[in-house]
């Protein structure tokens, strides 16, 4: 699913206009991006944590670690 498709789904599920869904998504992504650039982690309960790690070359890489609740959605029997 690309960004346009994601925005359309959010719009449909929440009853928002696509413009409102697009702006909301951008606000969330911008907030996460700025926090990571400032060296902060972003933990979204029930979903996961965004963080920045440094690789062996010394490059900073953004990563996402799925939370327990999200993982359980994929591993229920």
PDB file of N, CA and C in Angstrom:
ATOM      1  N   UNK A   1       0.855  -1.172   0.000  1.00  0.00           N
ATOM      2  CA  UNK A   1       0.000   0.000   0.000  1.00  0.00           C
ATOM      3  C   UNK A   1       0.902   1.235   0.000  1.00  0.00           C
ATOM      4  N   UNK A   2       0.692   2.130  -0.940  1.00  0.00           N
ATOM      5  CA  UNK A   2       1.475   3.360  -0.977  1.00  0.00           C
ATOM      6  C   UNK A   2       0.748   4.464  -0.185  1.00  0.00           C
ATOM      7  N   UNK A   3       1.352   5.628  -0.133  1.00  0.00           N
ATOM      8  CA  UNK A   3       0.792   6.722   0.670  1.00  0.00           C
ATOM      9  C   UNK A   3      -0.605   7.110   0.195  1.00  0.00           C
ATOM     10  N   UNK A   4      -0.791   7.223  -1.113  1.00  0.00           N
ATOM     11  CA  UNK A   4      -2.099   7.630  -1.648  1.00  0.00           C
ATOM     12  C   UNK A   4      -3.177   6.627  -1.253  1.00  0.00           C
ATOM     13  N   UNK A   5      -2.860   5.339  -1.366  1.00  0.00           N
ATOM     14  CA  UNK A   5      -3.820   4.296  -0.989  1.00  0.00           C
ATOM     15  C   UNK A   5      -4.086   4.318   0.511  1.00  0.00           C
ATOM     16  N   UNK A   6      -3.042   4.552   1.290  1.00  0.00           N
ATOM     17  CA  UNK A   6      -3.186   4.624   2.743  1.00  0.00           C
ATOM     18  C   UNK A   6      -4.097   5.784   3.141  1.00  0.00           C
ATOM     19  N   UNK A   7      -3.873   6.935   2.549  1.00  0.00           N
ATOM     20  CA  UNK A   7      -4.707   8.114   2.824  1.00  0.00           C
ATOM     21  C   UNK A   7      -6.166   7.815   2.486  1.00  0.00           C
ATOM     22  N   UNK A   8      -6.387   7.164   1.368  1.00  0.00           N
ATOM     23  CA  UNK A   8      -7.748   6.817   0.950  1.00  0.00           C
ATOM     24  C   UNK A   8      -8.415   5.892   1.970  1.00  0.00           C
ATOM     25  N   UNK A   9      -7.666   4.916   2.500  1.00  0.00           N
ATOM     26  CA  UNK A   9      -8.208   3.995   3.494  1.00  0.00           C
ATOM     27  C   UNK A   9      -8.521   4.712   4.804  1.00  0.00           C
ATOM     28  N   UNK A  10      -7.630   5.569   5.251  1.00  0.00           N
ATOM     29  CA  UNK A  10      -7.879   6.347   6.475  1.00  0.00           C
ATOM     30  C   UNK A  10      -9.123   7.201   6.291  1.00  0.00           C
ATOM     31  N   UNK A  11      -9.219   7.848   5.153  1.00  0.00           N
ATOM     32  CA  UNK A  11     -10.375   8.685   4.848  1.00  0.00           C
ATOM     33  C   UNK A  11     -11.671   7.887   4.917  1.00  0.00           C
ATOM     34  N   UNK A  12     -11.644   6.716   4.326  1.00  0.00           N
ATOM     35  CA  UNK A  12     -12.838   5.869   4.285  1.00  0.00           C
ATOM     36  C   UNK A  12     -13.200   5.348   5.677  1.00  0.00           C
ATOM     37  N   UNK A  13     -12.208   4.870   6.433  1.00  0.00           N
ATOM     38  CA  UNK A  13     -12.475   4.273   7.739  1.00  0.00           C
ATOM     39  C   UNK A  13     -12.893   5.291   8.791  1.00  0.00           C
ATOM     40  N   UNK A  14     -12.392   6.507   8.693  1.00  0.00           N
ATOM     41  CA  UNK A  14     -12.673   7.521   9.708  1.00  0.00           C
ATOM     42  C   UNK A  14     -13.699   8.554   9.271  1.00  0.00           C
ATOM     43  N   UNK A  15     -14.133   8.494   8.030  1.00  0.00           N
ATOM     44  CA  UNK A  15     -15.119   9.458   7.551  1.00  0.00           C
ATOM     45  C   UNK A  15     -14.540  10.845   7.347  1.00  0.00           C
ATOM     46  N   UNK A  16     -13.219  10.920   7.156  1.00  0.00           N
ATOM     47  CA  UNK A  16     -12.551  12.191   6.891  1.00  0.00           C
ATOM     48  C   UNK A  16     -12.511  12.423   5.391  1.00  0.00           C
ATOM     49  N   UNK A  17     -12.330  13.681   5.011  1.00  0.00           N
ATOM     50  CA  UNK A  17     -12.011  13.952   3.615  1.00  0.00           C
ATOM     51  C   UNK A  17     -10.596  13.440   3.369  1.00  0.00           C
ATOM     52  N   UNK A  18     -10.265  13.177   2.112  1.00  0.00           N
ATOM     53  CA  UNK A  18      -8.913  12.721   1.807  1.00  0.00           C
ATOM     54  C   UNK A  18      -7.889  13.806   2.122  1.00  0.00           C
ATOM     55  N   UNK A  19      -8.285  15.056   1.986  1.00  0.00           N
ATOM     56  CA  UNK A  19      -7.381  16.160   2.320  1.00  0.00           C
ATOM     57  C   UNK A  19      -7.060  16.150   3.801  1.00  0.00           C
ATOM     58  N   UNK A  20      -8.076  15.967   4.641  1.00  0.00           N
ATOM     59  CA  UNK A  20      -7.849  15.928   6.086  1.00  0.00           C
ATOM     60  C   UNK A  20      -6.992  14.727   6.462  1.00  0.00           C
ATOM     61  N   UNK A  21      -7.262  13.576   5.863  1.00  0.00           N
ATOM     62  CA  UNK A  21      -6.476  12.375   6.145  1.00  0.00           C
ATOM     63  C   UNK A  21      -5.023  12.579   5.720  1.00  0.00           C
ATOM     64  N   UNK A  22      -4.806  13.183   4.566  1.00  0.00           N
ATOM     65  CA  UNK A  22      -3.461  13.453   4.059  1.00  0.00           C
ATOM     66  C   UNK A  22      -2.704  14.391   5.003  1.00  0.00           C
ATOM     67  N   UNK A  23      -3.354  15.456   5.418  1.00  0.00           N
ATOM     68  CA  UNK A  23      -2.703  16.416   6.324  1.00  0.00           C
ATOM     69  C   UNK A  23      -2.406  15.776   7.677  1.00  0.00           C
ATOM     70  N   UNK A  24      -3.322  14.944   8.162  1.00  0.00           N
ATOM     71  CA  UNK A  24      -3.105  14.259   9.439  1.00  0.00           C
ATOM     72  C   UNK A  24      -1.922  13.304   9.345  1.00  0.00           C
ATOM     73  N   UNK A  25      -1.869  12.527   8.278  1.00  0.00           N
ATOM     74  CA  UNK A  25      -0.757  11.599   8.082  1.00  0.00           C
ATOM     75  C   UNK A  25       0.561  12.359   8.006  1.00  0.00           C
ATOM     76  N   UNK A  26       0.596  13.438   7.256  1.00  0.00           N
ATOM     77  CA  UNK A  26       1.819  14.232   7.143  1.00  0.00           C
ATOM     78  C   UNK A  26       2.234  14.812   8.486  1.00  0.00           C
ATOM     79  N   UNK A  27       1.279  15.249   9.295  1.00  0.00           N
ATOM     80  CA  UNK A  27       1.604  15.798  10.611  1.00  0.00           C
ATOM     81  C   UNK A  27       2.237  14.727  11.496  1.00  0.00           C
ATOM     82  N   UNK A  28       1.692  13.530  11.464  1.00  0.00           N
ATOM     83  CA  UNK A  28       2.244  12.426  12.259  1.00  0.00           C
ATOM     84  C   UNK A  28       3.655  12.086  11.772  1.00  0.00           C
ATOM     85  N   UNK A  29       3.811  11.944  10.470  1.00  0.00           N
ATOM     86  CA  UNK A  29       5.124  11.586   9.922  1.00  0.00           C
ATOM     87  C   UNK A  29       6.163  12.667  10.188  1.00  0.00           C
ATOM     88  N   UNK A  30       5.779  13.924  10.062  1.00  0.00           N
ATOM     89  CA  UNK A  30       6.711  15.022  10.332  1.00  0.00           C
ATOM     90  C   UNK A  30       7.130  15.040  11.794  1.00  0.00           C
ATOM     91  N   UNK A  31       6.187  14.791  12.694  1.00  0.00           N
ATOM     92  CA  UNK A  31       6.479  14.780  14.127  1.00  0.00           C
ATOM     93  C   UNK A  31       7.445  13.655  14.467  1.00  0.00           C
ATOM     94  N   UNK A  32       7.217  12.474  13.907  1.00  0.00           N
ATOM     95  CA  UNK A  32       8.125  11.350  14.133  1.00  0.00           C
ATOM     96  C   UNK A  32       9.507  11.674  13.571  1.00  0.00           C
ATOM     97  N   UNK A  33       9.552  12.202  12.363  1.00  0.00           N
ATOM     98  CA  UNK A  33      10.827  12.542  11.710  1.00  0.00           C
ATOM     99  C   UNK A  33      11.637  13.528  12.548  1.00  0.00           C
ATOM    100  N   UNK A  34      11.011  14.591  13.031  1.00  0.00           N
ATOM    101  CA  UNK A  34      11.707  15.608  13.818  1.00  0.00           C
ATOM    102  C   UNK A  34      12.202  15.011  15.134  1.00  0.00           C
ATOM    103  N   UNK A  35      11.362  14.212  15.781  1.00  0.00           N
ATOM    104  CA  UNK A  35      11.775  13.580  17.037  1.00  0.00           C
ATOM    105  C   UNK A  35      13.001  12.698  16.820  1.00  0.00           C
ATOM    106  N   UNK A  36      12.999  11.903  15.764  1.00  0.00           N
ATOM    107  CA  UNK A  36      14.136  11.037  15.478  1.00  0.00           C
ATOM    108  C   UNK A  36      15.385  11.855  15.171  1.00  0.00           C
ATOM    109  N   UNK A  37      15.227  12.930  14.418  1.00  0.00           N
ATOM    110  CA  UNK A  37      16.365  13.792  14.088  1.00  0.00           C
ATOM    111  C   UNK A  37      16.957  14.435  15.336  1.00  0.00           C
ATOM    112  N   UNK A  38      16.121  14.636  16.366  1.00  0.00           N
ATOM    113  CA  UNK A  38      16.576  15.218  17.629  1.00  0.00           C
ATOM    114  C   UNK A  38      17.126  14.165  18.583  1.00  0.00           C
ATOM    115  N   UNK A  39      17.169  12.908  18.129  1.00  0.00           N
ATOM    116  CA  UNK A  39      17.723  11.839  18.961  1.00  0.00           C
ATOM    117  C   UNK A  39      16.722  11.180  19.891  1.00  0.00           C
ATOM    118  N   UNK A  40      15.454  11.505  19.741  1.00  0.00           N
ATOM    119  CA  UNK A  40      14.425  10.920  20.596  1.00  0.00           C
ATOM    120  C   UNK A  40      13.864   9.645  19.981  1.00  0.00           C
ATOM    121  N   UNK A  41      13.346   8.757  20.832  1.00  0.00           N
ATOM    122  CA  UNK A  41      12.570   7.619  20.374  1.00  0.00           C
ATOM    123  C   UNK A  41      11.108   8.014  20.405  1.00  0.00           C
ATOM    124  N   UNK A  42      10.301   7.397  19.557  1.00  0.00           N
ATOM    125  CA  UNK A  42       8.863   7.630  19.547  1.00  0.00           C
ATOM    126  C   UNK A  42       8.186   6.287  19.786  1.00  0.00           C
ATOM    127  N   UNK A  43       7.547   6.168  20.945  1.00  0.00           N
ATOM    128  CA  UNK A  43       6.858   4.931  21.294  1.00  0.00           C
ATOM    129  C   UNK A  43       5.358   5.154  21.182  1.00  0.00           C
ATOM    130  N   UNK A  44       4.727   4.337  20.359  1.00  0.00           N
ATOM    131  CA  UNK A  44       3.275   4.399  20.192  1.00  0.00           C
ATOM    132  C   UNK A  44       2.726   3.110  20.785  1.00  0.00           C
ATOM    133  N   UNK A  45       2.108   3.225  21.959  1.00  0.00           N
ATOM    134  CA  UNK A  45       1.616   2.068  22.685  1.00  0.00           C
ATOM    135  C   UNK A  45       0.736   1.174  21.827  1.00  0.00           C
ATOM    136  N   UNK A  46       0.967  -0.130  21.909  1.00  0.00           N
ATOM    137  CA  UNK A  46       0.187  -1.087  21.154  1.00  0.00           C
ATOM    138  C   UNK A  46       0.592  -1.191  19.698  1.00  0.00           C
ATOM    139  N   UNK A  47       1.539  -0.380  19.279  1.00  0.00           N
ATOM    140  CA  UNK A  47       1.969  -0.392  17.881  1.00  0.00           C
ATOM    141  C   UNK A  47       3.459  -0.681  17.775  1.00  0.00           C
ATOM    142  N   UNK A  48       4.291   0.200  18.334  1.00  0.00           N
ATOM    143  CA  UNK A  48       5.729  -0.029  18.274  1.00  0.00           C
ATOM    144  C   UNK A  48       6.529   1.218  18.566  1.00  0.00           C
ATOM    145  N   UNK A  49       7.831   1.091  18.356  1.00  0.00           N
ATOM    146  CA  UNK A  49       8.765   2.170  18.677  1.00  0.00           C
ATOM    147  C   UNK A  49       9.629   2.504  17.468  1.00  0.00           C
ATOM    148  N   UNK A  50       9.733   3.780  17.180  1.00  0.00           N
ATOM    149  CA  UNK A  50      10.637   4.301  16.159  1.00  0.00           C
ATOM    150  C   UNK A  50      11.877   4.810  16.893  1.00  0.00           C
ATOM    151  N   UNK A  51      13.051   4.497  16.360  1.00  0.00           N
ATOM    152  CA  UNK A  51      14.296   4.927  16.990  1.00  0.00           C
ATOM    153  C   UNK A  51      15.354   5.113  15.904  1.00  0.00           C
ATOM    154  N   UNK A  52      16.512   5.596  16.317  1.00  0.00           N
ATOM    155  CA  UNK A  52      17.653   5.737  15.414  1.00  0.00           C
ATOM    156  C   UNK A  52      18.800   4.932  16.011  1.00  0.00           C
ATOM    157  N   UNK A  53      19.422   4.098  15.175  1.00  0.00           N
ATOM    158  CA  UNK A  53      20.600   3.335  15.596  1.00  0.00           C
ATOM    159  C   UNK A  53      21.769   3.740  14.708  1.00  0.00           C
ATOM    160  N   UNK A  54      22.967   3.475  15.206  1.00  0.00           N
ATOM    161  CA  UNK A  54      24.170   3.760  14.431  1.00  0.00           C
ATOM    162  C   UNK A  54      24.756   2.437  13.953  1.00  0.00           C
ATOM    163  N   UNK A  55      24.993   2.342  12.662  1.00  0.00           N
ATOM    164  CA  UNK A  55      25.549   1.098  12.113  1.00  0.00           C
ATOM    165  C   UNK A  55      27.068   1.084  12.277  1.00  0.00           C
ATOM    166  N   UNK A  56      27.690   0.031  11.796  1.00  0.00           N
ATOM    167  CA  UNK A  56      29.140  -0.130  11.951  1.00  0.00           C
ATOM    168  C   UNK A  56      29.950   0.937  11.224  1.00  0.00           C
ATOM    169  N   UNK A  57      29.350   1.555  10.211  1.00  0.00           N
ATOM    170  CA  UNK A  57      30.022   2.627   9.463  1.00  0.00           C
ATOM    171  C   UNK A  57      29.856   3.981  10.147  1.00  0.00           C
ATOM    172  N   UNK A  58      29.058   4.020  11.210  1.00  0.00           N
ATOM    173  CA  UNK A  58      28.805   5.278  11.900  1.00  0.00           C
ATOM    174  C   UNK A  58      27.625   6.050  11.344  1.00  0.00           C
ATOM    175  N   UNK A  59      26.899   5.434  10.416  1.00  0.00           N
ATOM    176  CA  UNK A  59      25.721   6.098   9.838  1.00  0.00           C
ATOM    177  C   UNK A  59      24.506   5.874  10.719  1.00  0.00           C
ATOM    178  N   UNK A  60      23.716   6.911  10.875  1.00  0.00           N
ATOM    179  CA  UNK A  60      22.488   6.825  11.665  1.00  0.00           C
ATOM    180  C   UNK A  60      21.363   6.302  10.769  1.00  0.00           C
ATOM    181  N   UNK A  61      20.642   5.295  11.277  1.00  0.00           N
ATOM    182  CA  UNK A  61      19.597   4.646  10.501  1.00  0.00           C
ATOM    183  C   UNK A  61      18.310   4.611  11.314  1.00  0.00           C
ATOM    184  N   UNK A  62      17.200   5.114  10.763  1.00  0.00           N
ATOM    185  CA  UNK A  62      15.928   5.002  11.480  1.00  0.00           C
ATOM    186  C   UNK A  62      15.428   3.560  11.428  1.00  0.00           C
ATOM    187  N   UNK A  63      14.911   3.081  12.561  1.00  0.00           N
ATOM    188  CA  UNK A  63      14.390   1.715  12.644  1.00  0.00           C
ATOM    189  C   UNK A  63      13.028   1.719  13.332  1.00  0.00           C
ATOM    190  N   UNK A  64      12.292   0.654  13.096  1.00  0.00           N
ATOM    191  CA  UNK A  64      10.994   0.461  13.747  1.00  0.00           C
ATOM    192  C   UNK A  64      10.983  -0.911  14.378  1.00  0.00           C
ATOM    193  N   UNK A  65      10.571  -0.972  15.641  1.00  0.00           N
ATOM    194  CA  UNK A  65      10.423  -2.248  16.334  1.00  0.00           C
ATOM    195  C   UNK A  65       8.958  -2.395  16.701  1.00  0.00           C
ATOM    196  N   UNK A  66       8.333  -3.427  16.160  1.00  0.00           N
ATOM    197  CA  UNK A  66       6.921  -3.670  16.426  1.00  0.00           C
ATOM    198  C   UNK A  66       6.708  -3.967  17.906  1.00  0.00           C
ATOM    199  N   UNK A  67       5.614  -3.445  18.439  1.00  0.00           N
ATOM    200  CA  UNK A  67       5.254  -3.698  19.825  1.00  0.00           C
ATOM    201  C   UNK A  67       4.594  -5.055  19.991  1.00  0.00           C
ATOM    202  N   UNK A  68       4.471  -5.471  21.232  1.00  0.00           N
ATOM    203  CA  UNK A  68       3.913  -6.785  21.557  1.00  0.00           C
ATOM    204  C   UNK A  68       2.503  -6.958  20.980  1.00  0.00           C
ATOM    205  N   UNK A  69       1.652  -5.974  21.149  1.00  0.00           N
ATOM    206  CA  UNK A  69       0.268  -6.085  20.672  1.00  0.00           C
ATOM    207  C   UNK A  69       0.205  -6.229  19.157  1.00  0.00           C
ATOM    208  N   UNK A  70       1.040  -5.483  18.446  1.00  0.00           N
ATOM    209  CA  UNK A  70       1.065  -5.584  16.981  1.00  0.00           C
ATOM    210  C   UNK A  70       1.562  -6.964  16.552  1.00  0.00           C
ATOM    211  N   UNK A  71       2.610  -7.449  17.209  1.00  0.00           N
ATOM    212  CA  UNK A  71       3.133  -8.773  16.883  1.00  0.00           C
ATOM    213  C   UNK A  71       2.080  -9.856  17.093  1.00  0.00           C
ATOM    214  N   UNK A  72       1.321  -9.717  18.173  1.00  0.00           N
ATOM    215  CA  UNK A  72       0.304 -10.727  18.479  1.00  0.00           C
ATOM    216  C   UNK A  72      -0.752 -10.820  17.392  1.00  0.00           C
ATOM    217  N   UNK A  73      -1.026  -9.733  16.705  1.00  0.00           N
ATOM    218  CA  UNK A  73      -2.000  -9.758  15.607  1.00  0.00           C
ATOM    219  C   UNK A  73      -1.589 -10.722  14.489  1.00  0.00           C
ATOM    220  N   UNK A  74      -0.293 -10.969  14.368  1.00  0.00           N
ATOM    221  CA  UNK A  74       0.216 -11.793  13.286  1.00  0.00           C
ATOM    222  C   UNK A  74       0.500 -13.220  13.708  1.00  0.00           C
ATOM    223  N   UNK A  75       0.490 -13.461  14.991  1.00  0.00           N
ATOM    224  CA  UNK A  75       0.879 -14.777  15.486  1.00  0.00           C
ATOM    225  C   UNK A  75      -0.180 -15.446  16.343  1.00  0.00           C
ATOM    226  N   UNK A  76      -1.425 -15.119  16.122  1.00  0.00           N
ATOM    227  CA  UNK A  76      -2.515 -15.777  16.844  1.00  0.00           C
ATOM    228  C   UNK A  76      -2.876 -17.068  16.140  1.00  0.00           C
ATOM    229  N   UNK A  77      -3.243 -18.036  16.926  1.00  0.00           N
ATOM    230  CA  UNK A  77      -3.590 -19.348  16.345  1.00  0.00           C
ATOM    231  C   UNK A  77      -5.061 -19.613  16.483  1.00  0.00           C
TER     232      UNK A  77
END
